[in-house]
């Protein structure tokens, strides 16, 4: 029988503690227009201005969400003294320049950046250090940490419902809509899709000690790339063995073909097992089922909720920045933590290039 998450003492969505700091949005593509701004509308976060590469696109999104000001350029928005939090949804080769301009503005207290933060680990480290020197919050939008099933299993792990974690797997078979700017880069799935799963595994289990990544091109993707379909095996400091697979082929794309797209995960522990799905490929809520020797007498239960990864997780991502400004405490998603996810991605690429397991202590962070 289905029961609500609350009945199992789970909190799949964040409580909004802070919502008073004005936001300036850079970008008018699908991720900003469909996810960020819809989440902020639902949460009551104040968005005072928007800008994009094309003013007409920004104006259309502004009209949709009742945003007062449309700036001619991202630079003009960053210089707007009303903007306290800068929210960026822009290509990663152009993002560092915008972040650096924002860090220099006295009226901007925090920046929420997209992942990947930059195109190289060295650039990410530099941005981390520059934000610290400026005394500004730089947070990175690792929104899968706010997926309802990932938040719920994190809570189960923290209270020992599954015992000591032993094994974990994330398995994706779904075709993303790659952004057009990715055709200009030499990195694809690891940097832009696996990054969700690798960061989620770090969130759940701490720091990995090594990663082995194998990959091949995706026969559907027409632009040049090497890491289309990817499989990574990770070992963690606490002994967990994890596997992350990203199959962005997902089956033929043709009329009449019944695609079987999904993202699933499974975690096994000494006192229980949890499994779930991520609802993004099919537009449904994510799910979780678990059986615990401590909490359910070994019976499987399936807590439920009505919210979705997209867009509701983006409430949590911006809320943690808002609350950091109100509380004076670091955000939940710090740039220093994200640099470690960037290092894991970089280690995956080194593993692909050198056909070996790569230790994370090979990187000076």
Protein backbone atom coordinates (compact mmCIF):
# COMPACT_ATOMS: atom_id res chain seq x y z
CA UNK A 1 0.00 0.00 0.00
CA UNK A 2 1.34 3.43 -0.94
CA UNK A 3 1.95 5.89 1.86
CA UNK A 4 3.24 9.44 2.00
CA UNK A 5 6.89 10.19 2.67
CA UNK A 6 5.94 11.95 5.90
CA UNK A 7 4.56 8.69 7.29
CA UNK A 8 8.09 7.29 7.08
CA UNK A 9 9.70 10.41 8.58
CA UNK A 10 11.14 11.49 5.21
CA UNK A 11 11.36 15.06 3.89
CA UNK A 12 11.65 14.78 0.10
CA UNK A 13 11.46 18.55 -0.47
CA UNK A 14 13.12 21.42 1.37
CA UNK A 15 11.33 23.83 3.63
CA UNK A 16 11.76 27.38 2.34
CA UNK A 17 13.42 29.30 5.17
CA UNK A 18 14.52 32.41 3.26
CA UNK A 19 13.16 34.24 0.22
CA UNK A 20 14.05 37.92 0.58
CA UNK A 21 17.12 38.43 -1.61
CA UNK A 22 16.55 39.83 -5.15
CA UNK A 23 17.73 37.67 -8.04
CA UNK A 24 19.06 38.61 -11.45
CA UNK A 25 18.73 35.83 -14.04
CA UNK A 26 21.14 35.39 -16.93
CA UNK A 27 19.86 33.08 -19.66
CA UNK A 28 16.50 32.53 -21.35
CA UNK A 29 16.85 28.96 -22.58
CA UNK A 30 14.89 25.93 -21.43
CA UNK A 31 16.75 25.38 -18.15
CA UNK A 32 16.12 28.97 -17.01
CA UNK A 33 12.68 29.43 -18.53
CA UNK A 34 11.21 26.04 -17.64
CA UNK A 35 13.03 25.11 -14.42
CA UNK A 36 14.75 27.93 -12.52
CA UNK A 37 12.09 30.60 -12.96
CA UNK A 38 9.17 28.21 -12.53
CA UNK A 39 10.70 26.96 -9.28
CA UNK A 40 11.25 30.54 -8.08
CA UNK A 41 7.63 31.40 -8.94
CA UNK A 42 6.42 28.45 -6.88
CA UNK A 43 8.67 29.39 -3.94
CA UNK A 44 8.06 33.14 -4.06
CA UNK A 45 11.69 34.09 -4.72
CA UNK A 46 12.00 37.67 -6.07
CA UNK A 47 13.44 37.90 -9.59
CA UNK A 48 14.01 41.56 -10.47
CA UNK A 49 15.82 41.38 -13.82
CA UNK A 50 16.74 39.07 -16.69
CA UNK A 51 19.18 39.16 -19.61
CA UNK A 52 20.35 36.75 -22.28
CA UNK A 53 22.39 36.66 -25.45
CA UNK A 54 19.24 37.65 -27.35
CA UNK A 55 17.14 40.41 -25.81
CA UNK A 56 13.94 39.26 -27.51
CA UNK A 57 14.21 35.83 -25.87
CA UNK A 58 14.79 37.42 -22.47
CA UNK A 59 11.82 39.74 -23.00
CA UNK A 60 9.51 36.83 -23.81
CA UNK A 61 10.54 34.99 -20.63
CA UNK A 62 10.22 38.20 -18.59
CA UNK A 63 6.64 38.67 -19.80
CA UNK A 64 5.81 35.07 -18.91
CA UNK A 65 7.02 35.46 -15.32
CA UNK A 66 6.29 39.14 -14.71
CA UNK A 67 9.97 40.13 -14.41
CA UNK A 68 10.20 43.91 -14.28
CA UNK A 69 13.48 44.61 -16.10
CA UNK A 70 15.00 43.17 -19.27
CA UNK A 71 18.63 44.21 -19.73
CA UNK A 72 20.37 44.54 -23.07
CA UNK A 73 23.23 42.25 -22.03
CA UNK A 74 24.39 40.01 -19.19
CA UNK A 75 26.97 42.67 -18.31
CA UNK A 76 24.26 45.30 -17.88
CA UNK A 77 22.35 42.97 -15.57
CA UNK A 78 25.40 42.29 -13.42
CA UNK A 79 25.89 46.06 -13.02
CA UNK A 80 22.26 46.53 -11.88
CA UNK A 81 22.55 47.58 -8.19
CA UNK A 82 19.24 45.87 -7.31
CA UNK A 83 20.69 42.41 -8.00
CA UNK A 84 21.95 40.66 -4.86
CA UNK A 85 22.03 37.07 -6.17
CA UNK A 86 23.21 36.39 -9.70
CA UNK A 87 21.70 33.23 -11.22
CA UNK A 88 23.56 32.08 -14.36
CA UNK A 89 22.39 29.60 -17.00
CA UNK A 90 25.01 30.18 -19.67
CA UNK A 91 27.56 28.10 -21.61
CA UNK A 92 30.48 27.00 -19.40
CA UNK A 93 33.14 28.59 -21.63
CA UNK A 94 31.48 32.00 -21.05
CA UNK A 95 30.42 31.51 -17.43
CA UNK A 96 33.77 32.27 -15.71
CA UNK A 97 33.93 35.78 -17.20
CA UNK A 98 30.45 36.57 -15.88
CA UNK A 99 31.28 35.16 -12.45
CA UNK A 100 34.43 37.28 -12.22
CA UNK A 101 32.51 40.44 -13.16
CA UNK A 102 29.91 39.62 -10.52
CA UNK A 103 32.52 39.02 -7.81
CA UNK A 104 33.78 42.56 -8.40
CA UNK A 105 30.39 44.19 -7.77
CA UNK A 106 29.73 45.39 -4.21
CA UNK A 107 25.97 44.89 -4.53
CA UNK A 108 26.23 41.20 -5.51
CA UNK A 109 26.55 38.95 -2.47
CA UNK A 110 26.18 35.52 -4.10
CA UNK A 111 26.41 33.76 -7.46
CA UNK A 112 24.61 30.56 -8.40
CA UNK A 113 26.51 29.04 -11.32
CA UNK A 114 25.71 26.16 -13.63
CA UNK A 115 27.63 22.94 -13.89
CA UNK A 116 30.14 22.33 -15.18
CA UNK A 117 31.50 25.41 -13.42
CA UNK A 118 34.19 25.74 -16.09
CA UNK A 119 35.78 23.71 -18.87
CA UNK A 120 38.78 22.70 -16.78
CA UNK A 121 39.56 21.78 -13.20
CA UNK A 122 42.23 24.50 -13.01
CA UNK A 123 39.69 27.16 -13.95
CA UNK A 124 37.24 25.84 -11.35
CA UNK A 125 39.92 26.00 -8.66
CA UNK A 126 40.77 29.56 -9.69
CA UNK A 127 37.11 30.62 -9.41
CA UNK A 128 36.86 28.97 -5.99
CA UNK A 129 39.86 30.93 -4.74
CA UNK A 130 38.73 34.22 -6.31
CA UNK A 131 35.31 33.95 -4.68
CA UNK A 132 36.93 33.30 -1.30
CA UNK A 133 39.23 36.29 -1.74
CA UNK A 134 36.24 38.48 -2.64
CA UNK A 135 34.28 37.26 0.39
CA UNK A 136 31.37 36.27 -1.85
CA UNK A 137 29.24 33.12 -2.01
CA UNK A 138 29.80 31.08 -5.15
CA UNK A 139 27.46 28.09 -5.31
CA UNK A 140 27.05 25.53 -8.11
CA UNK A 141 23.73 24.12 -9.29
CA UNK A 142 24.13 20.42 -8.48
CA UNK A 143 20.37 20.02 -8.49
CA UNK A 144 20.23 16.20 -8.37
CA UNK A 145 21.04 16.47 -4.65
CA UNK A 146 17.56 17.98 -4.36
CA UNK A 147 15.78 15.26 -6.29
CA UNK A 148 13.17 13.88 -3.92
CA UNK A 149 14.35 10.26 -4.09
CA UNK A 150 18.01 11.20 -3.59
CA UNK A 151 17.14 13.41 -0.60
CA UNK A 152 15.04 10.59 0.87
CA UNK A 153 17.69 7.90 0.57
CA UNK A 154 20.25 10.31 2.02
CA UNK A 155 18.02 10.61 5.08
CA UNK A 156 17.72 6.81 5.32
CA UNK A 157 21.50 6.48 5.16
CA UNK A 158 22.05 9.16 7.79
CA UNK A 159 19.74 7.50 10.30
CA UNK A 160 21.15 4.03 9.70
CA UNK A 161 18.04 2.48 8.19
CA UNK A 162 20.15 0.60 5.63
CA UNK A 163 23.03 -0.15 7.99
CA UNK A 164 26.53 0.28 6.58
CA UNK A 165 26.34 0.99 2.83
CA UNK A 166 28.10 -1.61 0.70
CA UNK A 167 27.17 -1.14 -2.97
CA UNK A 168 25.44 1.51 -5.11
CA UNK A 169 24.49 1.87 -8.75
CA UNK A 170 22.96 4.58 -10.94
CA UNK A 171 21.79 3.44 -14.37
CA UNK A 172 20.62 5.86 -17.07
CA UNK A 173 19.07 4.94 -20.41
CA UNK A 174 17.65 8.17 -21.79
CA UNK A 175 18.35 10.62 -24.60
CA UNK A 176 19.04 14.18 -23.40
CA UNK A 177 18.48 17.26 -25.49
CA UNK A 178 22.10 18.36 -25.79
CA UNK A 179 22.53 22.14 -25.79
CA UNK A 180 23.81 23.45 -29.12
CA UNK A 181 26.95 24.96 -27.58
CA UNK A 182 28.21 21.48 -26.68
CA UNK A 183 29.03 20.88 -30.36
CA UNK A 184 32.02 23.20 -29.87
CA UNK A 185 33.56 21.21 -27.00
CA UNK A 186 35.56 18.01 -26.94
CA UNK A 187 33.79 16.67 -23.84
CA UNK A 188 30.22 15.46 -23.73
CA UNK A 189 28.57 12.92 -21.42
CA UNK A 190 30.98 12.79 -18.47
CA UNK A 191 31.05 16.57 -18.08
CA UNK A 192 27.39 17.25 -18.81
CA UNK A 193 25.38 14.17 -17.75
CA UNK A 194 27.56 11.90 -15.59
CA UNK A 195 28.33 14.97 -13.46
CA UNK A 196 24.80 14.67 -11.99
CA UNK A 197 25.34 11.07 -10.93
CA UNK A 198 28.95 11.37 -9.80
CA UNK A 199 28.03 14.34 -7.61
CA UNK A 200 25.01 12.49 -6.20
CA UNK A 201 27.25 9.56 -5.27
CA UNK A 202 29.64 11.95 -3.49
CA UNK A 203 26.67 13.48 -1.68
CA UNK A 204 25.53 10.05 -0.50
CA UNK A 205 28.84 8.36 0.33
CA UNK A 206 31.59 10.97 0.77
CA UNK A 207 34.86 11.10 -1.08
CA UNK A 208 35.86 8.48 -3.67
CA UNK A 209 39.43 7.27 -3.72
CA UNK A 210 39.53 6.17 -7.36
CA UNK A 211 37.51 5.92 -10.57
CA UNK A 212 37.74 3.74 -13.64
CA UNK A 213 35.80 5.00 -16.66
CA UNK A 214 35.17 3.35 -20.01
CA UNK A 215 33.29 4.91 -22.89
CA UNK A 216 32.42 4.94 -26.58
CA UNK A 217 30.79 7.39 -29.02
CA UNK A 218 27.01 7.62 -29.19
CA UNK A 219 25.91 6.57 -32.72
CA UNK A 220 22.94 8.96 -32.57
CA UNK A 221 24.96 12.09 -31.77
CA UNK A 222 26.09 13.65 -35.03
CA UNK A 223 28.80 16.04 -33.78
CA UNK A 224 32.30 14.83 -32.90
CA UNK A 225 32.82 13.44 -29.39
CA UNK A 226 34.51 10.57 -27.57
CA UNK A 227 32.48 10.09 -24.37
CA UNK A 228 28.96 9.41 -25.61
CA UNK A 229 28.07 6.26 -23.65
CA UNK A 230 29.96 6.03 -20.36
CA UNK A 231 30.40 3.56 -17.48
CA UNK A 232 32.34 4.44 -14.33
CA UNK A 233 33.27 2.33 -11.32
CA UNK A 234 34.13 4.16 -8.10
CA UNK A 235 35.65 3.12 -4.80
CA UNK A 236 34.98 5.27 -1.72
CA UNK A 237 36.94 5.95 1.45
CA UNK A 238 34.23 4.19 3.47
CA UNK A 239 34.49 1.03 1.35
CA UNK A 240 31.43 1.57 -0.85
CA UNK A 241 31.74 0.26 -4.41
CA UNK A 242 29.58 2.20 -6.89
CA UNK A 243 28.79 2.04 -10.59
CA UNK A 244 27.45 4.93 -12.69
CA UNK A 245 26.27 4.22 -16.25
CA UNK A 246 25.08 6.86 -18.72
CA UNK A 247 23.60 5.42 -21.91
CA UNK A 248 22.52 8.49 -23.89
CA UNK A 249 21.78 6.34 -26.93
CA UNK A 250 18.81 4.73 -25.21
CA UNK A 251 17.58 2.98 -28.37
CA UNK A 252 16.64 4.03 -31.90
CA UNK A 253 14.95 7.40 -32.31
CA UNK A 254 12.38 6.77 -34.98
CA UNK A 255 8.64 6.98 -35.41
CA UNK A 256 6.86 3.97 -34.00
CA UNK A 257 9.76 2.79 -31.81
CA UNK A 258 8.63 2.33 -28.20
CA UNK A 259 11.57 3.80 -26.28
CA UNK A 260 12.22 2.47 -22.77
CA UNK A 261 13.85 5.50 -21.15
CA UNK A 262 14.62 5.51 -17.43
CA UNK A 263 17.09 6.47 -14.72
CA UNK A 264 17.24 4.09 -11.79
CA UNK A 265 19.37 3.73 -8.68
CA UNK A 266 19.98 1.04 -6.05
CA UNK A 267 21.81 1.08 -2.72
CA UNK A 268 22.58 -2.04 -0.70
CA UNK A 269 23.55 -1.92 2.97
CA UNK A 270 24.18 -4.37 5.78
CA UNK A 271 20.68 -3.75 7.20
CA UNK A 272 18.62 -2.95 4.14
CA UNK A 273 18.26 -2.13 0.47
CA UNK A 274 16.78 0.94 -1.23
CA UNK A 275 15.96 1.39 -4.89
CA UNK A 276 14.36 4.16 -6.87
CA UNK A 277 13.85 5.98 -10.12
CA UNK A 278 14.50 9.52 -11.29
CA UNK A 279 11.37 10.86 -12.94
CA UNK A 280 12.98 13.26 -15.43
CA UNK A 281 12.84 11.11 -18.60
CA UNK A 282 9.07 10.54 -18.36
CA UNK A 283 7.86 13.63 -16.50
CA UNK A 284 6.71 11.69 -13.44
CA UNK A 285 7.73 12.11 -9.79
CA UNK A 286 10.85 10.24 -8.77
CA UNK A 287 10.28 7.14 -6.63
CA UNK A 288 11.78 5.21 -3.74
CA UNK A 289 11.19 1.78 -2.23
CA UNK A 290 13.15 0.30 0.64
CA UNK A 291 13.28 -2.65 2.99
CA UNK A 292 15.03 -2.25 6.33
CA UNK A 293 15.77 -4.75 9.04
CA UNK A 294 15.63 -1.83 11.50
CA UNK A 295 12.54 0.06 10.34
CA UNK A 296 10.25 -2.15 8.23
CA UNK A 297 10.92 -5.67 9.55
CA UNK A 298 12.39 -6.49 6.16
CA UNK A 299 9.20 -5.61 4.29
CA UNK A 300 9.30 -3.37 1.21
CA UNK A 301 7.61 0.03 1.56
CA UNK A 302 7.18 2.76 -1.06
CA UNK A 303 6.84 6.31 0.30
CA UNK A 304 5.31 8.75 -2.20
CA UNK A 305 5.19 12.48 -3.03
CA UNK A 306 3.68 14.66 -5.75
CA UNK A 307 6.61 16.95 -6.59
CA UNK A 308 9.18 16.42 -9.35
CA UNK A 309 12.95 16.69 -9.80
CA UNK A 310 12.24 19.27 -12.54
CA UNK A 311 11.30 21.96 -11.53
CA UNK A 312 10.87 21.49 -7.76
CA UNK A 313 14.50 20.59 -7.02
CA UNK A 314 15.51 24.05 -8.19
CA UNK A 315 13.63 25.51 -5.24
CA UNK A 316 16.13 23.81 -2.96
CA UNK A 317 19.11 24.96 -5.00
CA UNK A 318 18.18 28.64 -4.73
CA UNK A 319 16.82 28.32 -1.19
CA UNK A 320 20.21 27.20 0.11
CA UNK A 321 21.78 30.39 -1.32
CA UNK A 322 19.02 32.58 0.12
CA UNK A 323 19.43 30.93 3.53
CA UNK A 324 23.21 31.24 3.47
CA UNK A 325 22.85 35.02 3.07
CA UNK A 326 20.32 35.21 5.92
CA UNK A 327 22.19 32.90 8.30
CA UNK A 328 25.78 33.88 7.56
CA UNK A 329 26.59 30.19 7.19
CA UNK A 330 28.09 28.57 4.06
CA UNK A 331 25.59 27.32 1.48
CA UNK A 332 24.87 23.61 1.23
CA UNK A 333 26.36 23.62 -2.28
CA UNK A 334 29.73 25.30 -1.86
CA UNK A 335 32.10 25.92 -4.73
CA UNK A 336 34.83 24.13 -2.75
CA UNK A 337 32.69 21.00 -2.69
CA UNK A 338 31.93 21.35 -6.39
CA UNK A 339 35.65 21.50 -7.18
CA UNK A 340 35.85 17.96 -5.81
CA UNK A 341 33.09 16.86 -8.19
CA UNK A 342 35.00 18.60 -11.00
CA UNK A 343 38.10 16.64 -9.96
CA UNK A 344 36.10 13.41 -10.15
CA UNK A 345 34.98 14.29 -13.69
CA UNK A 346 38.56 15.16 -14.61
CA UNK A 347 39.73 11.84 -13.19
CA UNK A 348 37.12 10.10 -15.33
CA UNK A 349 38.53 11.74 -18.45
CA UNK A 350 42.07 10.80 -17.44
CA UNK A 351 40.88 7.22 -16.97
CA UNK A 352 39.32 7.25 -20.44
CA UNK A 353 42.52 8.61 -21.99
CA UNK A 354 44.94 6.34 -20.13
CA UNK A 355 42.82 3.18 -19.80
CA UNK A 356 43.42 2.77 -16.08
CA UNK A 357 41.91 3.42 -12.68
CA UNK A 358 42.76 6.96 -11.57
CA UNK A 359 43.19 7.91 -7.93
CA UNK A 360 41.73 11.19 -6.78
CA UNK A 361 44.90 12.01 -4.84
CA UNK A 362 46.60 12.51 -8.22
CA UNK A 363 44.96 15.96 -8.23
CA UNK A 364 46.13 18.83 -6.06
CA UNK A 365 43.03 20.62 -4.77
